[in-house]
Amino acid sequence: MLQWGDIFIAGTGVRLGELKMTAAEAIGIGCTSKDDVEHNGQVSTVISLDDYTPDMAVVASRNALRAAKVTPEALGAVIYGVLKNVDINNSTSYIQRELNAMNAFGVEVRASCNGLAIVEIACQRLRIQPRSRPILVTCAHKWDEEPSERWRASKKEMPGDGASAVILSTKSGFARLISLVTTQDPKLAFLLAAPREFDQHPAHSKKSADHNRIQQEKSPANVVQRKQAGLIRAVRQALEESCISIENIDHVVVPHLYSPLLIRETLTVGLCDLSRTTFNFARRVGHIGPGDAFAGLDYLARRGVLKPGQKIMIYSVGIGFTWSCAVLEVLSRPTY
């Protein structure tokens, strides 16, 4: 069991798409229906005109550094989280150059949509290095779909463009990390590939002796059960390690999913409704890839709702599948 009590959240920042497409606008041009909007709960999505995704990460990082009162030169590491690699250049080096974080260790991590898994990597680095300098974790994603097509793109979430960032420190911050747990189920990796691509892979062809077992693993009921089990394991262990019950959690930062799926997930982990969650923010922004978790925390920090002694639970999910859950204790009201 790892204890994270000496790691703090020093600051957060976001850069969301500058344009917004509302549900009413989407209904008006025939991209979706009133019934679908009432079902999924989405109010709007944000759209970025920036051609280069790392530029959004740069802005979010500057906002987080400003909030944490940390200079770029003081950073010990810059970790850039991506949903998929769309740049042939080293995006992390670009971000470092734009921030003037020349003295930091830089690396890009692909963790699907699980931004908290990247935080766990950062925390490990903070723990093993004496006199660690602050670490910047930033994530950004810009979707390929045209704004009008996003309302048809998925039955699970609304794509949104944006970036978020968090500063981790061993010195001080507005919140203390009490626990952080990641679980995974690599047997669900087939969900990453298109059905045709997966089925034609030599290891999973119809000639394979394991074909029947694979088809059984791909059954919808089995997939749902395993996904719920992975989330439950992460949340339960994080709460146990923090010695806090779900009833004593004041705020829950959630992935930016449509309400039916989110309600199913929150019920799975013991929340009876969405009132304590950041869904009201998520439904106006859309899913920004691995940046959902940091953006939700930034939303709470900047709304002025955080009070000393309150507990925050954050969970995030990455296809493949991984689930991470963190529990934080608020030490002071963020002043940014």
C-alpha atoms as a PDB file:
ATOM      1  CA  MET A   1       0.000   0.000   0.000  1.00  0.00           C
ATOM      2  CA  LEU A   2       1.400   3.385  -1.002  1.00  0.00           C
ATOM      3  CA  GLN A   3       0.814   6.459   1.110  1.00  0.00           C
ATOM      4  CA  TRP A   4       0.645   9.718  -0.827  1.00  0.00           C
ATOM      5  CA  GLY A   5       0.103  12.175   2.024  1.00  0.00           C
ATOM      6  CA  ASP A   6       3.211  14.207   1.231  1.00  0.00           C
ATOM      7  CA  ILE A   7       2.097  15.110  -2.313  1.00  0.00           C
ATOM      8  CA  PHE A   8      -0.022  18.204  -2.887  1.00  0.00           C
ATOM      9  CA  ILE A   9      -2.105  19.783  -5.657  1.00  0.00           C
ATOM     10  CA  ALA A  10      -0.564  23.221  -6.014  1.00  0.00           C
ATOM     11  CA  GLY A  11      -2.603  24.537  -8.933  1.00  0.00           C
ATOM     12  CA  THR A  12      -4.815  23.702 -11.899  1.00  0.00           C
ATOM     13  CA  GLY A  13      -5.558  25.246 -15.270  1.00  0.00           C
ATOM     14  CA  VAL A  14      -7.662  24.721 -18.376  1.00  0.00           C
ATOM     15  CA  ARG A  15      -7.945  25.944 -21.917  1.00  0.00           C
ATOM     16  CA  LEU A  16     -11.309  25.052 -23.426  1.00  0.00           C
ATOM     17  CA  GLY A  17     -12.406  25.508 -27.006  1.00  0.00           C
ATOM     18  CA  GLU A  18     -13.364  29.111 -27.708  1.00  0.00           C
ATOM     19  CA  LEU A  19     -16.518  28.211 -29.629  1.00  0.00           C
ATOM     20  CA  LYS A  20     -19.602  26.558 -28.203  1.00  0.00           C
ATOM     21  CA  MET A  21     -22.310  24.606 -29.993  1.00  0.00           C
ATOM     22  CA  THR A  22     -25.460  24.210 -27.942  1.00  0.00           C
ATOM     23  CA  ALA A  23     -27.973  21.400 -28.031  1.00  0.00           C
ATOM     24  CA  ALA A  24     -30.611  23.855 -29.258  1.00  0.00           C
ATOM     25  CA  GLU A  25     -28.390  24.780 -32.212  1.00  0.00           C
ATOM     26  CA  ALA A  26     -27.727  21.123 -32.995  1.00  0.00           C
ATOM     27  CA  ILE A  27     -31.446  20.343 -32.926  1.00  0.00           C
ATOM     28  CA  GLY A  28     -32.124  23.340 -35.146  1.00  0.00           C
ATOM     29  CA  ILE A  29     -29.848  22.111 -37.945  1.00  0.00           C
ATOM     30  CA  GLY A  30     -30.939  18.488 -37.651  1.00  0.00           C
ATOM     31  CA  CYS A  31     -27.790  17.063 -36.015  1.00  0.00           C
ATOM     32  CA  THR A  32     -29.721  15.552 -33.134  1.00  0.00           C
ATOM     33  CA  SER A  33     -33.219  15.335 -31.742  1.00  0.00           C
ATOM     34  CA  LYS A  34     -34.897  16.747 -28.680  1.00  0.00           C
ATOM     35  CA  ASP A  35     -35.486  13.213 -27.408  1.00  0.00           C
ATOM     36  CA  ASP A  36     -31.777  12.344 -27.709  1.00  0.00           C
ATOM     37  CA  VAL A  37     -30.752  15.512 -25.875  1.00  0.00           C
ATOM     38  CA  GLU A  38     -33.212  14.854 -23.071  1.00  0.00           C
ATOM     39  CA  HIS A  39     -31.871  11.311 -22.835  1.00  0.00           C
ATOM     40  CA  ASN A  40     -28.138  12.091 -22.766  1.00  0.00           C
ATOM     41  CA  GLY A  41     -28.334  15.327 -20.761  1.00  0.00           C
ATOM     42  CA  GLN A  42     -25.799  17.191 -22.895  1.00  0.00           C
ATOM     43  CA  VAL A  43     -26.237  20.976 -23.000  1.00  0.00           C
ATOM     44  CA  SER A  44     -23.369  21.996 -25.277  1.00  0.00           C
ATOM     45  CA  THR A  45     -19.855  21.176 -26.457  1.00  0.00           C
ATOM     46  CA  VAL A  46     -16.743  23.337 -26.836  1.00  0.00           C
ATOM     47  CA  ILE A  47     -14.815  23.592 -30.101  1.00  0.00           C
ATOM     48  CA  SER A  48     -11.273  24.823 -30.695  1.00  0.00           C
ATOM     49  CA  LEU A  49     -10.078  26.544 -33.844  1.00  0.00           C
ATOM     50  CA  ASP A  50      -6.425  25.831 -33.023  1.00  0.00           C
ATOM     51  CA  ASP A  51      -4.753  23.570 -35.550  1.00  0.00           C
ATOM     52  CA  TYR A  52      -2.034  22.400 -33.153  1.00  0.00           C
ATOM     53  CA  THR A  53      -3.288  20.550 -30.082  1.00  0.00           C
ATOM     54  CA  PRO A  54      -0.180  21.174 -27.902  1.00  0.00           C
ATOM     55  CA  ASP A  55      -0.897  24.911 -28.096  1.00  0.00           C
ATOM     56  CA  MET A  56      -3.966  24.285 -25.951  1.00  0.00           C
ATOM     57  CA  ALA A  57      -1.787  22.387 -23.468  1.00  0.00           C
ATOM     58  CA  VAL A  58       0.582  25.358 -23.320  1.00  0.00           C
ATOM     59  CA  VAL A  59      -2.222  27.750 -22.343  1.00  0.00           C
ATOM     60  CA  ALA A  60      -3.648  25.340 -19.747  1.00  0.00           C
ATOM     61  CA  SER A  61      -0.149  24.844 -18.321  1.00  0.00           C
ATOM     62  CA  ARG A  62       0.458  28.575 -18.022  1.00  0.00           C
ATOM     63  CA  ASN A  63      -2.819  28.938 -16.147  1.00  0.00           C
ATOM     64  CA  ALA A  64      -1.855  26.107 -13.778  1.00  0.00           C
ATOM     65  CA  LEU A  65       1.613  27.556 -13.174  1.00  0.00           C
ATOM     66  CA  ARG A  66       0.091  30.952 -12.440  1.00  0.00           C
ATOM     67  CA  ALA A  67      -2.400  29.386 -10.025  1.00  0.00           C
ATOM     68  CA  ALA A  68       0.359  27.449  -8.242  1.00  0.00           C
ATOM     69  CA  LYS A  69       2.715  30.460  -8.229  1.00  0.00           C
ATOM     70  CA  VAL A  70       5.400  28.269  -9.749  1.00  0.00           C
ATOM     71  CA  THR A  71       7.775  29.469 -12.454  1.00  0.00           C
ATOM     72  CA  PRO A  72       8.471  27.238 -15.485  1.00  0.00           C
ATOM     73  CA  GLU A  73      12.174  27.253 -14.595  1.00  0.00           C
ATOM     74  CA  ALA A  74      11.331  25.627 -11.236  1.00  0.00           C
ATOM     75  CA  LEU A  75       9.645  22.568 -12.773  1.00  0.00           C
ATOM     76  CA  GLY A  76      11.289  19.194 -12.319  1.00  0.00           C
ATOM     77  CA  ALA A  77       9.280  17.451 -15.040  1.00  0.00           C
ATOM     78  CA  VAL A  78       6.708  18.113 -17.752  1.00  0.00           C
ATOM     79  CA  ILE A  79       4.478  15.148 -18.592  1.00  0.00           C
ATOM     80  CA  TYR A  80       2.146  15.485 -21.560  1.00  0.00           C
ATOM     81  CA  GLY A  81      -0.782  13.073 -21.738  1.00  0.00           C
ATOM     82  CA  VAL A  82      -2.387  12.274 -25.076  1.00  0.00           C
ATOM     83  CA  LEU A  83      -5.339  10.198 -26.210  1.00  0.00           C
ATOM     84  CA  LYS A  84      -3.620   9.347 -29.469  1.00  0.00           C
ATOM     85  CA  ASN A  85      -0.398  10.468 -31.068  1.00  0.00           C
ATOM     86  CA  VAL A  86      -1.226  12.792 -33.945  1.00  0.00           C
ATOM     87  CA  ASP A  87       2.083  14.659 -34.133  1.00  0.00           C
ATOM     88  CA  ILE A  88       5.309  13.321 -35.608  1.00  0.00           C
ATOM     89  CA  ASN A  89       7.241  15.939 -33.647  1.00  0.00           C
ATOM     90  CA  ASN A  90       8.019  15.674 -29.936  1.00  0.00           C
ATOM     91  CA  SER A  91       5.030  17.565 -28.542  1.00  0.00           C
ATOM     92  CA  THR A  92       6.418  17.643 -25.018  1.00  0.00           C
ATOM     93  CA  SER A  93       9.562  19.425 -26.169  1.00  0.00           C
ATOM     94  CA  TYR A  94       7.379  21.950 -27.980  1.00  0.00           C
ATOM     95  CA  ILE A  95       5.392  22.578 -24.788  1.00  0.00           C
ATOM     96  CA  GLN A  96       8.599  22.941 -22.767  1.00  0.00           C
ATOM     97  CA  ARG A  97       9.987  25.422 -25.261  1.00  0.00           C
ATOM     98  CA  GLU A  98       6.813  27.522 -25.248  1.00  0.00           C
ATOM     99  CA  LEU A  99       6.729  27.522 -21.437  1.00  0.00           C
ATOM    100  CA  ASN A 100      10.497  28.053 -21.111  1.00  0.00           C
ATOM    101  CA  ALA A 101      10.688  24.941 -18.915  1.00  0.00           C
ATOM    102  CA  MET A 102      14.144  24.076 -20.221  1.00  0.00           C
ATOM    103  CA  ASN A 103      15.427  22.478 -17.014  1.00  0.00           C
ATOM    104  CA  ALA A 104      12.611  19.927 -16.694  1.00  0.00           C
ATOM    105  CA  PHE A 105      12.553  16.276 -17.658  1.00  0.00           C
ATOM    106  CA  GLY A 106       9.994  15.903 -20.453  1.00  0.00           C
ATOM    107  CA  VAL A 107       8.013  12.899 -21.635  1.00  0.00           C
ATOM    108  CA  GLU A 108       4.798  12.110 -23.499  1.00  0.00           C
ATOM    109  CA  VAL A 109       2.458   9.441 -22.115  1.00  0.00           C
ATOM    110  CA  ARG A 110      -0.407   7.788 -23.936  1.00  0.00           C
ATOM    111  CA  ALA A 111      -2.910   6.611 -21.347  1.00  0.00           C
ATOM    112  CA  SER A 112      -6.079   6.801 -23.421  1.00  0.00           C
ATOM    113  CA  CYS A 113      -8.588   8.886 -21.414  1.00  0.00           C
ATOM    114  CA  ASN A 114      -7.185   8.002 -17.998  1.00  0.00           C
ATOM    115  CA  GLY A 115      -5.481  11.220 -16.946  1.00  0.00           C
ATOM    116  CA  LEU A 116      -5.123  10.040 -13.346  1.00  0.00           C
ATOM    117  CA  ALA A 117      -2.880   7.184 -14.480  1.00  0.00           C
ATOM    118  CA  ILE A 118      -0.449   9.850 -15.691  1.00  0.00           C
ATOM    119  CA  VAL A 119      -0.646  11.537 -12.287  1.00  0.00           C
ATOM    120  CA  GLU A 120       0.321   8.230 -10.686  1.00  0.00           C
ATOM    121  CA  ILE A 121       3.478   8.142 -12.819  1.00  0.00           C
ATOM    122  CA  ALA A 122       4.265  11.707 -11.765  1.00  0.00           C
ATOM    123  CA  CYS A 123       3.722  10.863  -8.094  1.00  0.00           C
ATOM    124  CA  GLN A 124       6.100   7.926  -8.322  1.00  0.00           C
ATOM    125  CA  ARG A 125       8.762  10.266  -9.671  1.00  0.00           C
ATOM    126  CA  LEU A 126       8.151  12.745  -6.866  1.00  0.00           C
ATOM    127  CA  ARG A 127       8.479   9.994  -4.276  1.00  0.00           C
ATOM    128  CA  ILE A 128      11.773   8.508  -5.488  1.00  0.00           C
ATOM    129  CA  GLN A 129      13.648  11.787  -5.948  1.00  0.00           C
ATOM    130  CA  PRO A 130      14.860  13.670  -2.865  1.00  0.00           C
ATOM    131  CA  ARG A 131      14.101  17.397  -2.895  1.00  0.00           C
ATOM    132  CA  SER A 132      11.809  16.911  -5.858  1.00  0.00           C
ATOM    133  CA  ARG A 133      10.827  19.963  -7.838  1.00  0.00           C
ATOM    134  CA  PRO A 134       7.166  20.440  -8.869  1.00  0.00           C
ATOM    135  CA  ILE A 135       5.816  18.401 -11.768  1.00  0.00           C
ATOM    136  CA  LEU A 136       3.467  19.669 -14.455  1.00  0.00           C
ATOM    137  CA  VAL A 137       1.004  17.158 -15.911  1.00  0.00           C
ATOM    138  CA  THR A 138      -0.964  18.439 -18.876  1.00  0.00           C
ATOM    139  CA  CYS A 139      -3.362  16.801 -21.332  1.00  0.00           C
ATOM    140  CA  ALA A 140      -4.961  18.071 -24.522  1.00  0.00           C
ATOM    141  CA  HIS A 141      -7.177  16.723 -27.265  1.00  0.00           C
ATOM    142  CA  LYS A 142      -8.871  18.063 -30.371  1.00  0.00           C
ATOM    143  CA  TRP A 143     -11.382  15.779 -32.069  1.00  0.00           C
ATOM    144  CA  ASP A 144     -11.441  15.142 -35.803  1.00  0.00           C
ATOM    145  CA  GLU A 145     -15.227  15.316 -36.159  1.00  0.00           C
ATOM    146  CA  GLU A 146     -16.844  18.467 -37.468  1.00  0.00           C
ATOM    147  CA  PRO A 147     -18.923  20.285 -34.803  1.00  0.00           C
ATOM    148  CA  SER A 148     -22.225  19.270 -36.378  1.00  0.00           C
ATOM    149  CA  GLU A 149     -21.146  15.613 -36.566  1.00  0.00           C
ATOM    150  CA  ARG A 150     -20.211  15.416 -32.896  1.00  0.00           C
ATOM    151  CA  TRP A 151     -23.840  15.142 -31.907  1.00  0.00           C
ATOM    152  CA  ARG A 152     -24.030  11.939 -33.968  1.00  0.00           C
ATOM    153  CA  ALA A 153     -20.532  10.609 -33.233  1.00  0.00           C
ATOM    154  CA  SER A 154     -21.063   8.566 -30.075  1.00  0.00           C
ATOM    155  CA  LYS A 155     -23.730   7.133 -27.828  1.00  0.00           C
ATOM    156  CA  LYS A 156     -21.455   7.391 -24.787  1.00  0.00           C
ATOM    157  CA  GLU A 157     -20.028  10.911 -24.720  1.00  0.00           C
ATOM    158  CA  MET A 158     -19.986  14.241 -26.520  1.00  0.00           C
ATOM    159  CA  PRO A 159     -16.565  15.100 -28.025  1.00  0.00           C
ATOM    160  CA  GLY A 160     -15.175  18.426 -26.828  1.00  0.00           C
ATOM    161  CA  ASP A 161     -11.878  20.198 -27.530  1.00  0.00           C
ATOM    162  CA  GLY A 162      -9.738  21.314 -24.657  1.00  0.00           C
ATOM    163  CA  ALA A 163      -6.701  21.007 -22.439  1.00  0.00           C
ATOM    164  CA  SER A 164      -6.119  20.908 -18.713  1.00  0.00           C
ATOM    165  CA  ALA A 165      -3.144  20.866 -16.379  1.00  0.00           C
ATOM    166  CA  VAL A 166      -2.222  20.236 -12.774  1.00  0.00           C
ATOM    167  CA  ILE A 167       0.880  21.094 -10.724  1.00  0.00           C
ATOM    168  CA  LEU A 168       2.018  18.450  -8.227  1.00  0.00           C
ATOM    169  CA  SER A 169       4.342  19.435  -5.386  1.00  0.00           C
ATOM    170  CA  THR A 170       5.949  17.919  -2.293  1.00  0.00           C
ATOM    171  CA  LYS A 171       6.026  21.337  -0.605  1.00  0.00           C
ATOM    172  CA  SER A 172       2.495  22.767  -0.425  1.00  0.00           C
ATOM    173  CA  GLY A 173      -0.843  23.095  -2.192  1.00  0.00           C
ATOM    174  CA  PHE A 174      -4.546  23.689  -1.702  1.00  0.00           C
ATOM    175  CA  ALA A 175      -5.232  19.943  -1.503  1.00  0.00           C
ATOM    176  CA  ARG A 176      -3.387  16.874  -0.270  1.00  0.00           C
ATOM    177  CA  LEU A 177      -3.391  13.558  -2.118  1.00  0.00           C
ATOM    178  CA  ILE A 178      -4.540  10.900   0.339  1.00  0.00           C
ATOM    179  CA  SER A 179      -4.787   7.901  -1.971  1.00  0.00           C
ATOM    180  CA  LEU A 180      -4.435   6.999  -5.631  1.00  0.00           C
ATOM    181  CA  VAL A 181      -5.199   3.573  -7.099  1.00  0.00           C
ATOM    182  CA  THR A 182      -5.158   2.224 -10.648  1.00  0.00           C
ATOM    183  CA  THR A 183      -6.633  -1.098 -11.730  1.00  0.00           C
ATOM    184  CA  GLN A 184      -6.728  -2.643 -15.184  1.00  0.00           C
ATOM    185  CA  ASP A 185      -8.173  -5.453 -17.276  1.00  0.00           C
ATOM    186  CA  PRO A 186      -6.035  -5.950 -20.424  1.00  0.00           C
ATOM    187  CA  LYS A 187      -8.378  -8.704 -21.603  1.00  0.00           C
ATOM    188  CA  LEU A 188     -10.709  -5.906 -22.696  1.00  0.00           C
ATOM    189  CA  ALA A 189      -8.089  -4.675 -25.169  1.00  0.00           C
ATOM    190  CA  PHE A 190     -10.185  -5.912 -28.098  1.00  0.00           C
ATOM    191  CA  LEU A 191     -12.445  -2.895 -27.535  1.00  0.00           C
ATOM    192  CA  LEU A 192      -9.598  -0.719 -28.825  1.00  0.00           C
ATOM    193  CA  ALA A 193      -9.781  -2.151 -32.332  1.00  0.00           C
ATOM    194  CA  ALA A 194     -12.504  -2.147 -34.919  1.00  0.00           C
ATOM    195  CA  PRO A 195     -14.309  -5.532 -34.966  1.00  0.00           C
ATOM    196  CA  ARG A 196     -12.991  -6.412 -38.424  1.00  0.00           C
ATOM    197  CA  GLU A 197      -9.416  -5.485 -37.486  1.00  0.00           C
ATOM    198  CA  PHE A 198      -9.568  -7.547 -34.306  1.00  0.00           C
ATOM    199  CA  ASP A 199     -11.214 -10.599 -35.805  1.00  0.00           C
ATOM    200  CA  GLN A 200      -8.697 -10.764 -38.653  1.00  0.00           C
ATOM    201  CA  HIS A 201      -5.693 -10.653 -36.363  1.00  0.00           C
ATOM    202  CA  PRO A 202      -3.849 -14.026 -36.674  1.00  0.00           C
ATOM    203  CA  ALA A 203      -4.031 -14.639 -32.954  1.00  0.00           C
ATOM    204  CA  HIS A 204      -7.815 -14.222 -32.960  1.00  0.00           C
ATOM    205  CA  SER A 205      -8.866 -15.699 -36.272  1.00  0.00           C
ATOM    206  CA  LYS A 206     -11.655 -18.248 -36.591  1.00  0.00           C
ATOM    207  CA  LYS A 207      -8.972 -20.917 -36.965  1.00  0.00           C
ATOM    208  CA  SER A 208      -7.719 -20.148 -33.472  1.00  0.00           C
ATOM    209  CA  ALA A 209      -8.503 -22.686 -30.767  1.00  0.00           C
ATOM    210  CA  ASP A 210      -9.357 -19.791 -28.488  1.00  0.00           C
ATOM    211  CA  HIS A 211     -11.989 -18.347 -30.810  1.00  0.00           C
ATOM    212  CA  ASN A 212     -14.976 -19.477 -28.734  1.00  0.00           C
ATOM    213  CA  ARG A 213     -13.427 -18.107 -25.560  1.00  0.00           C
ATOM    214  CA  ILE A 214     -12.690 -14.789 -27.258  1.00  0.00           C
ATOM    215  CA  GLN A 215     -16.232 -14.487 -28.570  1.00  0.00           C
ATOM    216  CA  GLN A 216     -17.556 -15.150 -25.072  1.00  0.00           C
ATOM    217  CA  GLU A 217     -15.259 -12.449 -23.649  1.00  0.00           C
ATOM    218  CA  LYS A 218     -16.627 -10.033 -26.261  1.00  0.00           C
ATOM    219  CA  SER A 219     -20.251 -10.599 -25.240  1.00  0.00           C
ATOM    220  CA  PRO A 220     -21.919  -7.337 -24.106  1.00  0.00           C
ATOM    221  CA  ALA A 221     -22.925  -8.758 -20.726  1.00  0.00           C
ATOM    222  CA  ASN A 222     -19.375  -9.895 -19.968  1.00  0.00           C
ATOM    223  CA  VAL A 223     -17.888  -6.569 -21.058  1.00  0.00           C
ATOM    224  CA  VAL A 224     -20.263  -4.538 -18.879  1.00  0.00           C
ATOM    225  CA  GLN A 225     -19.623  -6.798 -15.892  1.00  0.00           C
ATOM    226  CA  ARG A 226     -15.847  -6.563 -16.225  1.00  0.00           C
ATOM    227  CA  LYS A 227     -15.891  -2.797 -16.711  1.00  0.00           C
ATOM    228  CA  GLN A 228     -18.000  -2.355 -13.595  1.00  0.00           C
ATOM    229  CA  ALA A 229     -15.724  -4.685 -11.625  1.00  0.00           C
ATOM    230  CA  GLY A 230     -12.608  -2.716 -12.609  1.00  0.00           C
ATOM    231  CA  LEU A 231     -14.136   0.592 -11.553  1.00  0.00           C
ATOM    232  CA  ILE A 232     -15.399  -0.863  -8.269  1.00  0.00           C
ATOM    233  CA  ARG A 233     -11.928  -2.223  -7.438  1.00  0.00           C
ATOM    234  CA  ALA A 234     -10.250   1.126  -8.023  1.00  0.00           C
ATOM    235  CA  VAL A 235     -12.802   3.163  -6.060  1.00  0.00           C
ATOM    236  CA  ARG A 236     -13.094   0.684  -3.197  1.00  0.00           C
ATOM    237  CA  GLN A 237      -9.327   0.426  -2.718  1.00  0.00           C
ATOM    238  CA  ALA A 238      -8.804   4.193  -2.919  1.00  0.00           C
ATOM    239  CA  LEU A 239     -11.496   4.763  -0.282  1.00  0.00           C
ATOM    240  CA  GLU A 240     -10.105   2.004   1.945  1.00  0.00           C
ATOM    241  CA  GLU A 241      -6.586   3.426   1.775  1.00  0.00           C
ATOM    242  CA  SER A 242      -7.887   6.889   2.614  1.00  0.00           C
ATOM    243  CA  CYS A 243     -10.052   5.551   5.484  1.00  0.00           C
ATOM    244  CA  ILE A 244     -12.962   7.577   4.105  1.00  0.00           C
ATOM    245  CA  SER A 245     -16.410   6.283   3.169  1.00  0.00           C
ATOM    246  CA  ILE A 246     -18.238   7.296   0.002  1.00  0.00           C
ATOM    247  CA  GLU A 247     -20.843   9.025   2.200  1.00  0.00           C
ATOM    248  CA  ASN A 248     -18.166  11.407   3.506  1.00  0.00           C
ATOM    249  CA  ILE A 249     -16.996  12.509   0.075  1.00  0.00           C
ATOM    250  CA  ASP A 250     -18.053  16.113  -0.577  1.00  0.00           C
ATOM    251  CA  HIS A 251     -17.251  16.403  -4.301  1.00  0.00           C
ATOM    252  CA  VAL A 252     -16.809  13.817  -7.057  1.00  0.00           C
ATOM    253  CA  VAL A 253     -14.969  14.660 -10.280  1.00  0.00           C
ATOM    254  CA  VAL A 254     -16.318  12.402 -13.008  1.00  0.00           C
ATOM    255  CA  PRO A 255     -15.496  11.569 -16.639  1.00  0.00           C
ATOM    256  CA  HIS A 256     -17.417  13.648 -19.170  1.00  0.00           C
ATOM    257  CA  LEU A 257     -19.944  11.036 -20.243  1.00  0.00           C
ATOM    258  CA  TYR A 258     -23.615  11.152 -21.191  1.00  0.00           C
ATOM    259  CA  SER A 259     -25.865  10.982 -18.154  1.00  0.00           C
ATOM    260  CA  PRO A 260     -27.225   7.397 -18.612  1.00  0.00           C
ATOM    261  CA  LEU A 261     -23.723   5.878 -18.622  1.00  0.00           C
ATOM    262  CA  LEU A 262     -22.511   8.209 -15.868  1.00  0.00           C
ATOM    263  CA  ILE A 263     -25.494   7.386 -13.669  1.00  0.00           C
ATOM    264  CA  ARG A 264     -24.796   3.685 -14.130  1.00  0.00           C
ATOM    265  CA  GLU A 265     -21.145   4.188 -13.154  1.00  0.00           C
ATOM    266  CA  THR A 266     -21.880   6.338 -10.116  1.00  0.00           C
ATOM    267  CA  LEU A 267     -24.533   3.923  -8.897  1.00  0.00           C
ATOM    268  CA  THR A 268     -21.972   1.153  -9.300  1.00  0.00           C
ATOM    269  CA  VAL A 269     -19.589   2.846  -6.857  1.00  0.00           C
ATOM    270  CA  GLY A 270     -22.285   3.807  -4.339  1.00  0.00           C
ATOM    271  CA  LEU A 271     -23.412   7.313  -5.319  1.00  0.00           C
ATOM    272  CA  CYS A 272     -27.187   7.612  -5.391  1.00  0.00           C
ATOM    273  CA  ASP A 273     -27.288  10.625  -7.738  1.00  0.00           C
ATOM    274  CA  LEU A 274     -25.129  13.163  -9.591  1.00  0.00           C
ATOM    275  CA  SER A 275     -25.632  16.064  -7.165  1.00  0.00           C
ATOM    276  CA  ARG A 276     -22.118  15.805  -5.694  1.00  0.00           C
ATOM    277  CA  THR A 277     -20.448  15.392  -9.083  1.00  0.00           C
ATOM    278  CA  THR A 278     -19.057  17.725 -11.738  1.00  0.00           C
ATOM    279  CA  PHE A 279     -21.622  16.553 -14.294  1.00  0.00           C
ATOM    280  CA  ASN A 280     -23.098  20.059 -14.557  1.00  0.00           C
ATOM    281  CA  PHE A 281     -19.718  21.198 -15.894  1.00  0.00           C
ATOM    282  CA  ALA A 282     -19.127  18.109 -18.027  1.00  0.00           C
ATOM    283  CA  ARG A 283     -22.452  18.421 -19.849  1.00  0.00           C
ATOM    284  CA  ARG A 284     -21.513  21.919 -21.026  1.00  0.00           C
ATOM    285  CA  VAL A 285     -17.966  21.095 -22.162  1.00  0.00           C
ATOM    286  CA  GLY A 286     -17.931  17.599 -23.603  1.00  0.00           C
ATOM    287  CA  HIS A 287     -15.306  14.878 -23.304  1.00  0.00           C
ATOM    288  CA  ILE A 288     -11.789  16.340 -23.685  1.00  0.00           C
ATOM    289  CA  GLY A 289      -9.924  13.038 -23.575  1.00  0.00           C
ATOM    290  CA  PRO A 290      -7.497  12.456 -20.684  1.00  0.00           C
ATOM    291  CA  GLY A 291      -8.015  16.031 -19.492  1.00  0.00           C
ATOM    292  CA  ASP A 292     -11.485  15.470 -17.992  1.00  0.00           C
ATOM    293  CA  ALA A 293     -10.182  14.838 -14.466  1.00  0.00           C
ATOM    294  CA  PHE A 294      -7.979  17.950 -14.199  1.00  0.00           C
ATOM    295  CA  ALA A 295     -10.611  20.127 -15.864  1.00  0.00           C
ATOM    296  CA  GLY A 296     -13.219  18.973 -13.342  1.00  0.00           C
ATOM    297  CA  LEU A 297     -10.895  19.728 -10.434  1.00  0.00           C
ATOM    298  CA  ASP A 298     -10.152  23.158 -11.897  1.00  0.00           C
ATOM    299  CA  TYR A 299     -13.896  23.779 -12.168  1.00  0.00           C
ATOM    300  CA  LEU A 300     -14.315  23.113  -8.441  1.00  0.00           C
ATOM    301  CA  ALA A 301     -11.266  25.193  -7.524  1.00  0.00           C
ATOM    302  CA  ARG A 302     -12.366  28.251  -9.488  1.00  0.00           C
ATOM    303  CA  ARG A 303     -16.020  28.139  -8.407  1.00  0.00           C
ATOM    304  CA  GLY A 304     -15.076  28.827  -4.798  1.00  0.00           C
ATOM    305  CA  VAL A 305     -16.930  25.787  -3.466  1.00  0.00           C
ATOM    306  CA  LEU A 306     -13.929  24.071  -1.868  1.00  0.00           C
ATOM    307  CA  LYS A 307     -13.501  24.421   1.883  1.00  0.00           C
ATOM    308  CA  PRO A 308     -10.753  23.174   4.223  1.00  0.00           C
ATOM    309  CA  GLY A 309     -11.465  19.667   5.448  1.00  0.00           C
ATOM    310  CA  GLN A 310     -13.619  18.672   2.490  1.00  0.00           C
ATOM    311  CA  LYS A 311     -12.865  15.446   0.641  1.00  0.00           C
ATOM    312  CA  ILE A 312     -12.751  15.091  -3.138  1.00  0.00           C
ATOM    313  CA  MET A 313     -12.900  11.852  -5.078  1.00  0.00           C
ATOM    314  CA  ILE A 314     -11.768  11.791  -8.702  1.00  0.00           C
ATOM    315  CA  TYR A 315     -12.070   8.818 -11.007  1.00  0.00           C
ATOM    316  CA  SER A 316     -11.092   8.380 -14.622  1.00  0.00           C
ATOM    317  CA  VAL A 317     -11.274   5.574 -17.151  1.00  0.00           C
ATOM    318  CA  GLY A 318      -9.100   4.627 -20.096  1.00  0.00           C
ATOM    319  CA  ILE A 319     -10.148   2.228 -22.812  1.00  0.00           C
ATOM    320  CA  GLY A 320      -8.085  -0.924 -22.823  1.00  0.00           C
ATOM    321  CA  PHE A 321      -9.148  -0.931 -19.914  1.00  0.00           C
ATOM    322  CA  THR A 322      -7.757   1.016 -16.934  1.00  0.00           C
ATOM    323  CA  TRP A 323      -9.517   2.714 -14.026  1.00  0.00           C
ATOM    324  CA  SER A 324      -7.960   5.177 -11.575  1.00  0.00           C
ATOM    325  CA  CYS A 325      -9.381   6.756  -8.452  1.00  0.00           C
ATOM    326  CA  ALA A 326      -7.873   9.452  -6.233  1.00  0.00           C
ATOM    327  CA  VAL A 327      -9.019  10.886  -2.911  1.00  0.00           C
ATOM    328  CA  LEU A 328      -7.964  14.409  -1.943  1.00  0.00           C
ATOM    329  CA  GLU A 329      -8.315  16.461   1.232  1.00  0.00           C
ATOM    330  CA  VAL A 330      -8.835  20.193   0.788  1.00  0.00           C
ATOM    331  CA  LEU A 331      -6.366  22.131   2.955  1.00  0.00           C
ATOM    332  CA  SER A 332      -7.250  25.686   1.961  1.00  0.00           C
ATOM    333  CA  ARG A 333      -9.517  27.604  -0.404  1.00  0.00           C
ATOM    334  CA  PRO A 334      -7.829  28.045  -3.773  1.00  0.00           C
ATOM    335  CA  THR A 335      -7.187  31.739  -4.297  1.00  0.00           C
ATOM    336  CA  TYR A 336      -7.175  31.808  -8.088  1.00  0.00           C
END
